[in-house]
């Protein structure tokens, strides 16, 4: 919701500036930067879950071969920036992360971006942007519901589910004397609470719990400084830690019988 309101504000303020009171002509004197901002705002308003991001790519993907162990990674910017082909060479793994997204947006695009690709396993990493209230302030209950709904959709279509823990963040990286990523925006206690729910839900529903948190957290409860350059997103070294944990979780998921 915050992004939608922000987009409306951009459009409204720009148009007011262009066609304000006493404007001599309806022809706007608009810069390329303003045009780009207007286009981004319009696109966000038209396609809030960003269903268009992978539409063409999805249409080009053939059904999996009979023995293919296809895996889809669903997530936000942490997944979006992960070069899966480099960390899992030769594996039929598909990246469907979109920067900034919350579980609300992922749930809407779960069918075209996961189910229709017919993977054997889906790895879901989501929740950090919900905690950061990217789509509006709320409790963690709706996040639980969205993760549960994605799980149920996957199970209904014969897809095994790996639920990943939310990663820690840190205040170590500074810009203009202030933390680049603030723990006040993503409170560690909320990350811990969501991870506990994910772990318990996975155990109760026959899912694989992928623990990114434990190998990436330091003794202060923050993301290890050497694993991120901005306090949130992994460096190549951070992705190497994630790769090791994800590889083992996927291996177990492929061997595990789906719980009815």
C-alpha atoms as a PDB file:
ATOM      1  CA  UNK A   1       0.000   0.000   0.000  1.00  0.00           C
ATOM      2  CA  UNK A   2       2.835   2.401   0.827  1.00  0.00           C
ATOM      3  CA  UNK A   3       4.307   1.880  -2.652  1.00  0.00           C
ATOM      4  CA  UNK A   4       0.944   2.497  -4.297  1.00  0.00           C
ATOM      5  CA  UNK A   5       0.389   5.712  -2.354  1.00  0.00           C
ATOM      6  CA  UNK A   6       3.926   6.814  -3.160  1.00  0.00           C
ATOM      7  CA  UNK A   7       3.316   6.180  -6.863  1.00  0.00           C
ATOM      8  CA  UNK A   8       0.082   8.174  -6.767  1.00  0.00           C
ATOM      9  CA  UNK A   9       1.922  11.011  -5.030  1.00  0.00           C
ATOM     10  CA  UNK A  10       4.606  11.032  -7.706  1.00  0.00           C
ATOM     11  CA  UNK A  11       2.048  11.150 -10.500  1.00  0.00           C
ATOM     12  CA  UNK A  12      -0.090  13.770  -8.779  1.00  0.00           C
ATOM     13  CA  UNK A  13       2.774  16.088  -7.830  1.00  0.00           C
ATOM     14  CA  UNK A  14       4.346  15.836 -11.264  1.00  0.00           C
ATOM     15  CA  UNK A  15       1.119  16.541 -13.093  1.00  0.00           C
ATOM     16  CA  UNK A  16       0.367  19.470 -10.771  1.00  0.00           C
ATOM     17  CA  UNK A  17       3.766  20.901 -11.576  1.00  0.00           C
ATOM     18  CA  UNK A  18       3.150  20.465 -15.282  1.00  0.00           C
ATOM     19  CA  UNK A  19      -0.440  21.670 -15.434  1.00  0.00           C
ATOM     20  CA  UNK A  20      -0.592  23.966 -12.415  1.00  0.00           C
ATOM     21  CA  UNK A  21      -2.780  27.022 -12.068  1.00  0.00           C
ATOM     22  CA  UNK A  22      -2.188  29.548 -14.791  1.00  0.00           C
ATOM     23  CA  UNK A  23      -0.304  27.143 -17.028  1.00  0.00           C
ATOM     24  CA  UNK A  24      -0.153  28.814 -20.435  1.00  0.00           C
ATOM     25  CA  UNK A  25      -0.195  25.625 -22.452  1.00  0.00           C
ATOM     26  CA  UNK A  26      -1.272  21.991 -22.008  1.00  0.00           C
ATOM     27  CA  UNK A  27       2.014  20.880 -23.550  1.00  0.00           C
ATOM     28  CA  UNK A  28       4.166  19.647 -20.648  1.00  0.00           C
ATOM     29  CA  UNK A  29       7.741  20.770 -20.183  1.00  0.00           C
ATOM     30  CA  UNK A  30       8.923  17.469 -18.762  1.00  0.00           C
ATOM     31  CA  UNK A  31      12.391  16.038 -18.344  1.00  0.00           C
ATOM     32  CA  UNK A  32      13.496  12.523 -19.231  1.00  0.00           C
ATOM     33  CA  UNK A  33      13.914  11.759 -15.537  1.00  0.00           C
ATOM     34  CA  UNK A  34      10.339  12.839 -14.813  1.00  0.00           C
ATOM     35  CA  UNK A  35       9.065  10.737 -17.687  1.00  0.00           C
ATOM     36  CA  UNK A  36      10.921   7.710 -16.341  1.00  0.00           C
ATOM     37  CA  UNK A  37       9.465   8.275 -12.864  1.00  0.00           C
ATOM     38  CA  UNK A  38       5.972   8.590 -14.286  1.00  0.00           C
ATOM     39  CA  UNK A  39       6.403   5.399 -16.291  1.00  0.00           C
ATOM     40  CA  UNK A  40       7.635   3.464 -13.258  1.00  0.00           C
ATOM     41  CA  UNK A  41       4.758   4.778 -11.160  1.00  0.00           C
ATOM     42  CA  UNK A  42       2.213   3.901 -13.827  1.00  0.00           C
ATOM     43  CA  UNK A  43       3.614   0.399 -14.274  1.00  0.00           C
ATOM     44  CA  UNK A  44       3.517  -0.186 -10.528  1.00  0.00           C
ATOM     45  CA  UNK A  45      -0.095   0.928 -10.349  1.00  0.00           C
ATOM     46  CA  UNK A  46      -1.073  -1.278 -13.289  1.00  0.00           C
ATOM     47  CA  UNK A  47       0.768  -4.392 -12.134  1.00  0.00           C
ATOM     48  CA  UNK A  48       1.288  -4.267  -8.378  1.00  0.00           C
ATOM     49  CA  UNK A  49       2.436  -7.926  -8.006  1.00  0.00           C
ATOM     50  CA  UNK A  50       4.650  -7.532 -11.111  1.00  0.00           C
ATOM     51  CA  UNK A  51       3.116 -10.423 -12.994  1.00  0.00           C
ATOM     52  CA  UNK A  52       4.684  -9.039 -16.128  1.00  0.00           C
ATOM     53  CA  UNK A  53       8.256  -9.439 -14.916  1.00  0.00           C
ATOM     54  CA  UNK A  54       8.586 -13.101 -15.905  1.00  0.00           C
ATOM     55  CA  UNK A  55       5.620 -13.490 -18.310  1.00  0.00           C
ATOM     56  CA  UNK A  56       7.694 -13.814 -21.468  1.00  0.00           C
ATOM     57  CA  UNK A  57      10.380 -15.915 -19.812  1.00  0.00           C
ATOM     58  CA  UNK A  58       7.769 -18.317 -18.424  1.00  0.00           C
ATOM     59  CA  UNK A  59       6.198 -18.748 -21.860  1.00  0.00           C
ATOM     60  CA  UNK A  60       9.548 -19.862 -23.271  1.00  0.00           C
ATOM     61  CA  UNK A  61      10.181 -22.553 -20.652  1.00  0.00           C
ATOM     62  CA  UNK A  62       9.380 -26.056 -21.878  1.00  0.00           C
ATOM     63  CA  UNK A  63       7.781 -28.644 -19.604  1.00  0.00           C
ATOM     64  CA  UNK A  64      10.383 -30.502 -17.540  1.00  0.00           C
ATOM     65  CA  UNK A  65      11.880 -33.704 -18.859  1.00  0.00           C
ATOM     66  CA  UNK A  66      10.687 -36.877 -17.194  1.00  0.00           C
ATOM     67  CA  UNK A  67      13.670 -37.207 -14.843  1.00  0.00           C
ATOM     68  CA  UNK A  68      14.385 -33.490 -14.525  1.00  0.00           C
ATOM     69  CA  UNK A  69      14.693 -32.272 -10.948  1.00  0.00           C
ATOM     70  CA  UNK A  70      13.494 -28.744 -11.598  1.00  0.00           C
ATOM     71  CA  UNK A  71      13.545 -26.293  -8.697  1.00  0.00           C
ATOM     72  CA  UNK A  72      12.046 -22.801  -8.596  1.00  0.00           C
ATOM     73  CA  UNK A  73      13.435 -20.213  -6.173  1.00  0.00           C
ATOM     74  CA  UNK A  74      10.680 -17.785  -5.136  1.00  0.00           C
ATOM     75  CA  UNK A  75      11.640 -14.654  -3.248  1.00  0.00           C
ATOM     76  CA  UNK A  76      12.550 -10.987  -3.087  1.00  0.00           C
ATOM     77  CA  UNK A  77      15.755  -9.085  -3.946  1.00  0.00           C
ATOM     78  CA  UNK A  78      17.965 -11.594  -2.143  1.00  0.00           C
ATOM     79  CA  UNK A  79      16.749 -14.272  -4.526  1.00  0.00           C
ATOM     80  CA  UNK A  80      16.495 -11.886  -7.480  1.00  0.00           C
ATOM     81  CA  UNK A  81      20.211 -11.060  -7.258  1.00  0.00           C
ATOM     82  CA  UNK A  82      21.315 -14.667  -6.837  1.00  0.00           C
ATOM     83  CA  UNK A  83      23.082 -15.949  -9.972  1.00  0.00           C
ATOM     84  CA  UNK A  84      21.848 -19.508  -9.628  1.00  0.00           C
ATOM     85  CA  UNK A  85      23.736 -20.826 -12.664  1.00  0.00           C
ATOM     86  CA  UNK A  86      27.021 -19.832 -11.040  1.00  0.00           C
ATOM     87  CA  UNK A  87      26.279 -21.404  -7.664  1.00  0.00           C
ATOM     88  CA  UNK A  88      24.419 -24.474  -8.960  1.00  0.00           C
ATOM     89  CA  UNK A  89      26.102 -25.184 -12.318  1.00  0.00           C
ATOM     90  CA  UNK A  90      24.247 -27.597 -14.536  1.00  0.00           C
ATOM     91  CA  UNK A  91      21.175 -27.672 -12.299  1.00  0.00           C
ATOM     92  CA  UNK A  92      17.696 -26.973 -13.728  1.00  0.00           C
ATOM     93  CA  UNK A  93      17.031 -24.230 -11.220  1.00  0.00           C
ATOM     94  CA  UNK A  94      14.848 -21.246 -12.075  1.00  0.00           C
ATOM     95  CA  UNK A  95      15.032 -17.867 -10.335  1.00  0.00           C
ATOM     96  CA  UNK A  96      11.724 -16.115  -9.723  1.00  0.00           C
ATOM     97  CA  UNK A  97      12.762 -13.463  -7.219  1.00  0.00           C
ATOM     98  CA  UNK A  98      11.600  -9.848  -7.513  1.00  0.00           C
ATOM     99  CA  UNK A  99      13.252  -7.053  -5.584  1.00  0.00           C
ATOM    100  CA  UNK A 100      11.221  -5.402  -2.840  1.00  0.00           C
ATOM    101  CA  UNK A 101       8.378  -7.897  -2.833  1.00  0.00           C
ATOM    102  CA  UNK A 102       6.379  -9.096   0.137  1.00  0.00           C
ATOM    103  CA  UNK A 103       4.534 -12.370   0.644  1.00  0.00           C
ATOM    104  CA  UNK A 104       1.319 -10.704  -0.555  1.00  0.00           C
ATOM    105  CA  UNK A 105       2.794 -10.074  -3.995  1.00  0.00           C
ATOM    106  CA  UNK A 106       4.468 -13.473  -4.160  1.00  0.00           C
ATOM    107  CA  UNK A 107       1.213 -15.241  -3.383  1.00  0.00           C
ATOM    108  CA  UNK A 108      -0.519 -13.507  -6.295  1.00  0.00           C
ATOM    109  CA  UNK A 109       2.166 -14.555  -8.748  1.00  0.00           C
ATOM    110  CA  UNK A 110       2.741 -18.016  -7.285  1.00  0.00           C
ATOM    111  CA  UNK A 111       0.659 -19.781  -9.917  1.00  0.00           C
ATOM    112  CA  UNK A 112       2.301 -18.353 -13.074  1.00  0.00           C
ATOM    113  CA  UNK A 113       5.811 -18.089 -11.621  1.00  0.00           C
ATOM    114  CA  UNK A 114       5.930 -21.436  -9.811  1.00  0.00           C
ATOM    115  CA  UNK A 115       3.061 -23.852 -10.427  1.00  0.00           C
ATOM    116  CA  UNK A 116       2.894 -23.442 -14.196  1.00  0.00           C
ATOM    117  CA  UNK A 117       6.625 -24.191 -14.458  1.00  0.00           C
ATOM    118  CA  UNK A 118       5.978 -27.644 -12.928  1.00  0.00           C
ATOM    119  CA  UNK A 119       8.998 -27.907 -10.638  1.00  0.00           C
ATOM    120  CA  UNK A 120       9.556 -30.789  -8.277  1.00  0.00           C
ATOM    121  CA  UNK A 121      10.594 -28.383  -5.512  1.00  0.00           C
ATOM    122  CA  UNK A 122       9.993 -24.737  -4.679  1.00  0.00           C
ATOM    123  CA  UNK A 123      12.319 -22.861  -2.345  1.00  0.00           C
ATOM    124  CA  UNK A 124      10.500 -19.933  -0.719  1.00  0.00           C
ATOM    125  CA  UNK A 125      12.517 -17.154   0.890  1.00  0.00           C
ATOM    126  CA  UNK A 126      10.150 -14.394   1.974  1.00  0.00           C
ATOM    127  CA  UNK A 127       9.219 -12.143   4.847  1.00  0.00           C
ATOM    128  CA  UNK A 128      11.973  -9.580   5.329  1.00  0.00           C
ATOM    129  CA  UNK A 129      10.090  -6.977   3.276  1.00  0.00           C
ATOM    130  CA  UNK A 130       6.858  -7.714   5.139  1.00  0.00           C
ATOM    131  CA  UNK A 131       8.691  -6.946   8.368  1.00  0.00           C
ATOM    132  CA  UNK A 132       9.987  -3.757   6.737  1.00  0.00           C
ATOM    133  CA  UNK A 133       6.331  -2.900   5.917  1.00  0.00           C
ATOM    134  CA  UNK A 134       6.994  -2.524   2.188  1.00  0.00           C
ATOM    135  CA  UNK A 135       3.279  -3.001   1.521  1.00  0.00           C
ATOM    136  CA  UNK A 136       1.936  -1.528   4.742  1.00  0.00           C
ATOM    137  CA  UNK A 137       2.168  -1.974   8.488  1.00  0.00           C
ATOM    138  CA  UNK A 138       0.731  -5.163   9.924  1.00  0.00           C
ATOM    139  CA  UNK A 139       1.258  -8.034  12.326  1.00  0.00           C
ATOM    140  CA  UNK A 140       3.029 -11.221  11.315  1.00  0.00           C
ATOM    141  CA  UNK A 141      -0.256 -13.153  11.116  1.00  0.00           C
ATOM    142  CA  UNK A 142      -0.955 -12.267   7.451  1.00  0.00           C
ATOM    143  CA  UNK A 143       2.607 -13.287   6.593  1.00  0.00           C
ATOM    144  CA  UNK A 144       1.939 -16.693   8.150  1.00  0.00           C
ATOM    145  CA  UNK A 145      -1.249 -16.955   6.113  1.00  0.00           C
ATOM    146  CA  UNK A 146       0.501 -16.079   2.864  1.00  0.00           C
ATOM    147  CA  UNK A 147       3.289 -18.612   3.427  1.00  0.00           C
ATOM    148  CA  UNK A 148       0.720 -21.256   4.331  1.00  0.00           C
ATOM    149  CA  UNK A 149      -1.298 -20.464   1.196  1.00  0.00           C
ATOM    150  CA  UNK A 150       1.752 -20.797  -1.037  1.00  0.00           C
ATOM    151  CA  UNK A 151       2.533 -24.110   0.632  1.00  0.00           C
ATOM    152  CA  UNK A 152      -1.005 -25.379   0.114  1.00  0.00           C
ATOM    153  CA  UNK A 153      -0.982 -24.354  -3.539  1.00  0.00           C
ATOM    154  CA  UNK A 154       2.307 -26.152  -4.049  1.00  0.00           C
ATOM    155  CA  UNK A 155       1.095 -29.330  -2.346  1.00  0.00           C
ATOM    156  CA  UNK A 156      -2.124 -29.319  -4.370  1.00  0.00           C
ATOM    157  CA  UNK A 157       0.041 -29.406  -7.488  1.00  0.00           C
ATOM    158  CA  UNK A 158       2.499 -32.055  -6.333  1.00  0.00           C
ATOM    159  CA  UNK A 159       5.345 -29.644  -5.599  1.00  0.00           C
ATOM    160  CA  UNK A 160       7.539 -30.210  -2.562  1.00  0.00           C
ATOM    161  CA  UNK A 161       8.195 -27.159  -0.415  1.00  0.00           C
ATOM    162  CA  UNK A 162      11.361 -25.835   1.155  1.00  0.00           C
ATOM    163  CA  UNK A 163      10.633 -22.915   3.498  1.00  0.00           C
ATOM    164  CA  UNK A 164      13.659 -20.750   4.202  1.00  0.00           C
ATOM    165  CA  UNK A 165      14.283 -18.705   7.310  1.00  0.00           C
ATOM    166  CA  UNK A 166      14.527 -14.951   7.022  1.00  0.00           C
ATOM    167  CA  UNK A 167      18.142 -13.837   7.133  1.00  0.00           C
ATOM    168  CA  UNK A 168      19.502 -11.516   9.819  1.00  0.00           C
ATOM    169  CA  UNK A 169      20.386  -7.912   8.967  1.00  0.00           C
ATOM    170  CA  UNK A 170      23.000  -5.585  10.443  1.00  0.00           C
ATOM    171  CA  UNK A 171      23.668  -1.927  11.232  1.00  0.00           C
ATOM    172  CA  UNK A 172      27.363  -2.130  10.435  1.00  0.00           C
ATOM    173  CA  UNK A 173      27.380  -0.401   7.051  1.00  0.00           C
ATOM    174  CA  UNK A 174      27.221   3.376   7.473  1.00  0.00           C
ATOM    175  CA  UNK A 175      26.273   6.165   5.098  1.00  0.00           C
ATOM    176  CA  UNK A 176      26.410   9.823   6.144  1.00  0.00           C
ATOM    177  CA  UNK A 177      26.933   8.665   9.719  1.00  0.00           C
ATOM    178  CA  UNK A 178      23.820   6.494   9.779  1.00  0.00           C
ATOM    179  CA  UNK A 179      23.270   2.754   9.241  1.00  0.00           C
ATOM    180  CA  UNK A 180      22.461   1.981   5.610  1.00  0.00           C
ATOM    181  CA  UNK A 181      20.089  -0.772   6.722  1.00  0.00           C
ATOM    182  CA  UNK A 182      18.519  -0.092  10.113  1.00  0.00           C
ATOM    183  CA  UNK A 183      17.568  -2.862  12.495  1.00  0.00           C
ATOM    184  CA  UNK A 184      14.726  -0.611  13.625  1.00  0.00           C
ATOM    185  CA  UNK A 185      13.187  -1.142  10.174  1.00  0.00           C
ATOM    186  CA  UNK A 186      13.565  -4.901  10.435  1.00  0.00           C
ATOM    187  CA  UNK A 187      13.536  -5.573  14.200  1.00  0.00           C
ATOM    188  CA  UNK A 188      15.590  -8.670  15.087  1.00  0.00           C
ATOM    189  CA  UNK A 189      12.861  -9.877  17.454  1.00  0.00           C
ATOM    190  CA  UNK A 190      10.375  -9.958  14.571  1.00  0.00           C
ATOM    191  CA  UNK A 191      12.828 -11.872  12.400  1.00  0.00           C
ATOM    192  CA  UNK A 192      13.267 -14.415  15.206  1.00  0.00           C
ATOM    193  CA  UNK A 193       9.509 -14.682  15.730  1.00  0.00           C
ATOM    194  CA  UNK A 194       8.819 -15.254  12.038  1.00  0.00           C
ATOM    195  CA  UNK A 195      11.612 -17.811  11.769  1.00  0.00           C
ATOM    196  CA  UNK A 196      10.209 -19.721  14.737  1.00  0.00           C
ATOM    197  CA  UNK A 197       6.812 -19.857  13.070  1.00  0.00           C
ATOM    198  CA  UNK A 198       8.345 -21.003   9.763  1.00  0.00           C
ATOM    199  CA  UNK A 199      10.330 -23.747  11.480  1.00  0.00           C
ATOM    200  CA  UNK A 200       7.329 -24.964  13.487  1.00  0.00           C
ATOM    201  CA  UNK A 201       5.007 -24.822  10.476  1.00  0.00           C
ATOM    202  CA  UNK A 202       7.486 -26.762   8.353  1.00  0.00           C
ATOM    203  CA  UNK A 203       7.800 -29.475  11.005  1.00  0.00           C
ATOM    204  CA  UNK A 204       4.030 -29.765  11.394  1.00  0.00           C
ATOM    205  CA  UNK A 205       3.392 -30.012   7.664  1.00  0.00           C
ATOM    206  CA  UNK A 206       6.166 -32.242   6.395  1.00  0.00           C
ATOM    207  CA  UNK A 207       8.158 -29.452   4.794  1.00  0.00           C
ATOM    208  CA  UNK A 208      11.888 -28.877   4.711  1.00  0.00           C
ATOM    209  CA  UNK A 209      13.088 -25.977   6.840  1.00  0.00           C
ATOM    210  CA  UNK A 210      16.048 -24.230   5.232  1.00  0.00           C
ATOM    211  CA  UNK A 211      18.028 -22.463   7.927  1.00  0.00           C
ATOM    212  CA  UNK A 212      19.911 -19.529   6.418  1.00  0.00           C
ATOM    213  CA  UNK A 213      19.823 -17.622   9.685  1.00  0.00           C
ATOM    214  CA  UNK A 214      22.102 -19.745  11.888  1.00  0.00           C
ATOM    215  CA  UNK A 215      25.217 -19.842   9.686  1.00  0.00           C
ATOM    216  CA  UNK A 216      24.895 -16.138   8.827  1.00  0.00           C
ATOM    217  CA  UNK A 217      24.288 -14.559  12.243  1.00  0.00           C
ATOM    218  CA  UNK A 218      27.034 -13.194  14.486  1.00  0.00           C
ATOM    219  CA  UNK A 219      27.253 -13.079  18.281  1.00  0.00           C
ATOM    220  CA  UNK A 220      25.274  -9.808  18.357  1.00  0.00           C
ATOM    221  CA  UNK A 221      22.354 -11.278  16.443  1.00  0.00           C
ATOM    222  CA  UNK A 222      23.305  -9.401  13.285  1.00  0.00           C
ATOM    223  CA  UNK A 223      24.204 -10.551   9.792  1.00  0.00           C
ATOM    224  CA  UNK A 224      27.926 -11.236   9.750  1.00  0.00           C
ATOM    225  CA  UNK A 225      29.707  -8.171   8.388  1.00  0.00           C
ATOM    226  CA  UNK A 226      31.764 -10.153   5.874  1.00  0.00           C
ATOM    227  CA  UNK A 227      28.636 -11.625   4.273  1.00  0.00           C
ATOM    228  CA  UNK A 228      27.059  -8.330   3.167  1.00  0.00           C
ATOM    229  CA  UNK A 229      28.110  -4.942   1.846  1.00  0.00           C
ATOM    230  CA  UNK A 230      24.908  -3.155   2.810  1.00  0.00           C
ATOM    231  CA  UNK A 231      23.642  -5.002   5.882  1.00  0.00           C
ATOM    232  CA  UNK A 232      20.889  -6.865   4.037  1.00  0.00           C
ATOM    233  CA  UNK A 233      21.930  -8.358   0.716  1.00  0.00           C
ATOM    234  CA  UNK A 234      24.558 -11.110   0.544  1.00  0.00           C
ATOM    235  CA  UNK A 235      27.965 -10.736  -1.021  1.00  0.00           C
ATOM    236  CA  UNK A 236      29.295 -13.624  -3.123  1.00  0.00           C
ATOM    237  CA  UNK A 237      30.647 -15.039   0.142  1.00  0.00           C
ATOM    238  CA  UNK A 238      27.162 -14.756   1.637  1.00  0.00           C
ATOM    239  CA  UNK A 239      25.605 -16.513  -1.322  1.00  0.00           C
ATOM    240  CA  UNK A 240      28.189 -19.275  -0.959  1.00  0.00           C
ATOM    241  CA  UNK A 241      26.886 -19.882   2.576  1.00  0.00           C
ATOM    242  CA  UNK A 242      23.330 -19.919   1.259  1.00  0.00           C
ATOM    243  CA  UNK A 243      24.264 -22.255  -1.593  1.00  0.00           C
ATOM    244  CA  UNK A 244      25.584 -24.885   0.789  1.00  0.00           C
ATOM    245  CA  UNK A 245      22.470 -24.773   2.959  1.00  0.00           C
ATOM    246  CA  UNK A 246      20.070 -24.706  -0.001  1.00  0.00           C
ATOM    247  CA  UNK A 247      21.777 -27.589  -1.758  1.00  0.00           C
ATOM    248  CA  UNK A 248      21.317 -29.845   1.261  1.00  0.00           C
ATOM    249  CA  UNK A 249      17.697 -28.794   1.784  1.00  0.00           C
ATOM    250  CA  UNK A 250      16.845 -29.467  -1.869  1.00  0.00           C
ATOM    251  CA  UNK A 251      18.555 -32.856  -1.722  1.00  0.00           C
ATOM    252  CA  UNK A 252      16.410 -33.843   1.253  1.00  0.00           C
ATOM    253  CA  UNK A 253      13.239 -32.468  -0.335  1.00  0.00           C
ATOM    254  CA  UNK A 254      13.750 -34.462  -3.520  1.00  0.00           C
ATOM    255  CA  UNK A 255      14.048 -37.673  -1.529  1.00  0.00           C
ATOM    256  CA  UNK A 256      11.252 -36.941   0.916  1.00  0.00           C
ATOM    257  CA  UNK A 257       7.740 -38.183   0.291  1.00  0.00           C
ATOM    258  CA  UNK A 258       5.203 -35.387   0.269  1.00  0.00           C
ATOM    259  CA  UNK A 259       2.941 -35.342   3.309  1.00  0.00           C
ATOM    260  CA  UNK A 260      -0.700 -35.809   2.423  1.00  0.00           C
END
